[in-house]
Structure formats: C-alpha cells, structure tokens
C-alpha cells in the first residue's frame, strides 16, 4: 500500500533510515576484527593505559586485518549505494551487499594490501622527515601530500571496482588518474567525508548507524556525476568525429560526381570532333 501526503513522506524517510542503518550494520559486522582493534587503540590512547609497544602492536594488527576485512566490506557497501545513486532503491540491501562482497572480494583485498603498505611506508617517511630530519622537512611535506592523494584515490578505487568490469591493474591506474584529472570533485568528497567524521565525533552513535554509509553514498554520488560528465564528453567527441567523417564522405562523393560529369563532357566533345572528321573525309571523296 502506498501512503500519500505527510504519511507518505514520513514512510519514505523511515524507509531510508532503515536502509542506511541496516547497510551500516552489515559493514560493521564484516569489519568487526579491524573495528575491535581500532576501539581498543582509542580506549588505550584516551585512558593512557598501555605503552608504545602496545600501540605499535595494535597498529600492526590493524594494518594486517584491514585488507581482509574493511576493504571487502567497503566494496560491498559501495555496491549497495551504487544501486541507490542509480535509482534502484528497492533492491534487497542484504542480498546486494553480500553479492558485492563475494564478487569484489579479491580485487578489494588486493587493493587493501597495496594501499595499506603504501600508507605505512608514507606514514613512516612523514614521521621521520618531519620530526627527526629537519633539513629534509620538504620531503616530508611532499610525502604528506602524496599520502593525501592516495587516501582520496581510495574513494575512486571502490567506485570503479563496483561500477566497471576491469582488471585490477586498470582499476588502480584509473582511480589514481581520475583523482589527478578531477581534483575538485574528488576533494569535495574528502571535505564532505571530513564533515561527516566530525559530526560522528560529536555524536559517536552515528558511526554505528549511518556515517560510513553516508560517506560511501556521497563518494559514489560524486564519482557517478564525474562518470556521466565524461560519458557525455566521449559521446560528443564521437558525434563530432562521425559528422566530420560524413562530411568527408559527402565531399568525396561530390568530387567523384564532378569528375564523372567532366568525363561525360569530354566524351561528347570527342564525338563531335569525330563527326566533323568524317564529314571532311566525305567531302574529299566527292
């Protein structure tokens, strides 16, 4: 039964809230090992319990767990929000989530390994150059910029994984290239994500209900807008090339017709000359 008026609006709002919350819960369940280590780290950091060795151990544990838990779960979450952004809001959240989890697990896991290793290397470089090697601080700043670009490219990585049928190498390459080619759109996603994270820090319960899903939704929305714009540019370029080809073919046909017409005129002139020549021969016989 379809509700109308205020009741219909309230029904749609509650329906969307339930969709977002349910997809968020599925993402959290699939990311439980990583999230557990992250919560432990925050508790130890906030309370002052544990020493540097415990913090380093937790960092290693989170780095090892991330590619096998968070990355596949995030790819599955992007699979769900992709359907929503493209207008298929009535799909089964549960079925769509785990279908995306299964189909994109290997690519997202492999991407998680690469991204995690790069983040660890860049984080160590930034820490060393910024704190222990003052003369090379510019290198640390450069590595920090590269780390931000790498982080932003993850939004495109997940979007491309769930939207295209590409090899892993093509996914990584295109995610980085799209980040560099469309920096304004991508960094607007980063700013939006930062705002949502800030709101989540004020109200931590929102992390369990909606923050990761909203970030994924906003990220894929920006990606899809960029994708549509690029598609229009490609189609426009193809149309221009087709029109140019048709114009060239028309010009070639016109030139061929002109040559054929000139050839017919030339044949008629030859026939007239032949007639005059035959007449002269007849006169000479007389």
Foldseek 3Di string as FASTA:
>chain_A
DADDDPVNVVVVVVVVLVLQLVLLQQLCVQQVQLVVLVVVLVVCVVVVPDDPVSNVVSVVSNLVSCLQGNQLQLLLLLQLLVCVLVPNPPDDSVVSSVVSSVVLSVLSSVVSNVLSVLLVVLVVVLVCCCPPNVVNNVVSVVSVVVNVLSVLLVLQLSLCSNPDDDDSVVSSVVSSVCCVVPVVLSVVLVVVLVVLVVVCVVPVVVSSRHSSSVSSNSSNNSVVVVVVVVVVVVVVVVVVVVVVVVVVVVVVVVVVVVVVVVVVVVVVVVVVVVVVVVVVVVVVVD
